[in-house]
Amino acid sequence: MTDLVQVSTATALEAHLLEHHPWDSPEVSAVPIVNGSEKCLSWVATNTAPE
């Protein structure tokens, strides 16, 4: 399966969260999806595709 969020997008998202989140140290993590139902993974891929 391809990465659902590109590294550049994840990096920008992390920077935004760290700057704007009210907590001093919010949890920011990334985990790979290594398996899942075909229907669910298809939905995720469709709904996270770049516009």
Protein backbone atom coordinates (compact mmCIF):
# COMPACT_ATOMS: atom_id res chain seq x y z
CA MET A 1 0.00 0.00 0.00
CA THR A 2 1.23 3.49 -0.72
CA ASP A 3 1.77 6.04 2.03
CA LEU A 4 -1.50 7.85 2.70
CA VAL A 5 0.12 11.07 3.83
CA GLN A 6 3.29 12.28 2.15
CA VAL A 7 6.25 13.09 4.37
CA SER A 8 6.14 16.78 3.39
CA THR A 9 2.46 16.94 4.34
CA ALA A 10 3.09 15.16 7.65
CA THR A 11 5.96 17.53 8.42
CA ALA A 12 3.83 20.59 7.66
CA LEU A 13 0.96 19.18 9.72
CA GLU A 14 3.28 18.52 12.67
CA ALA A 15 4.67 22.06 12.50
CA HIS A 16 1.15 23.50 12.42
CA LEU A 17 0.01 21.40 15.39
CA LEU A 18 3.06 22.25 17.46
CA GLU A 19 2.60 25.98 16.78
CA HIS A 20 -1.16 26.20 17.35
CA HIS A 21 -2.04 23.50 19.88
CA PRO A 22 -2.79 24.84 23.38
CA TRP A 23 -0.67 22.17 25.08
CA ASP A 24 3.07 22.72 25.54
CA SER A 25 3.88 19.28 24.16
CA PRO A 26 1.01 17.70 22.19
CA GLU A 27 1.38 14.12 21.00
CA VAL A 28 2.32 14.00 17.34
CA SER A 29 3.07 10.60 15.88
CA ALA A 30 2.86 8.73 12.61
CA VAL A 31 2.29 5.04 12.23
CA PRO A 32 2.22 2.96 9.07
CA ILE A 33 -0.92 1.08 8.13
CA VAL A 34 0.42 -2.37 7.39
CA ASN A 35 -2.84 -4.24 6.90
CA GLY A 36 -6.58 -3.76 6.85
CA SER A 37 -9.75 -4.68 5.06
CA GLU A 38 -9.67 -3.90 1.36
CA LYS A 39 -12.87 -1.83 1.54
CA CYS A 40 -11.60 0.27 4.45
CA LEU A 41 -8.15 0.83 2.93
CA SER A 42 -9.77 1.84 -0.35
CA TRP A 43 -11.95 4.37 1.49
CA VAL A 44 -8.94 5.79 3.33
CA ALA A 45 -6.92 6.09 0.12
CA THR A 46 -9.80 7.83 -1.67
CA ASN A 47 -10.46 10.25 1.16
CA THR A 48 -6.84 11.19 1.81
CA ALA A 49 -5.78 11.64 -1.82
CA PRO A 50 -4.36 15.07 -2.67
CA GLU A 51 -6.87 17.36 -4.32
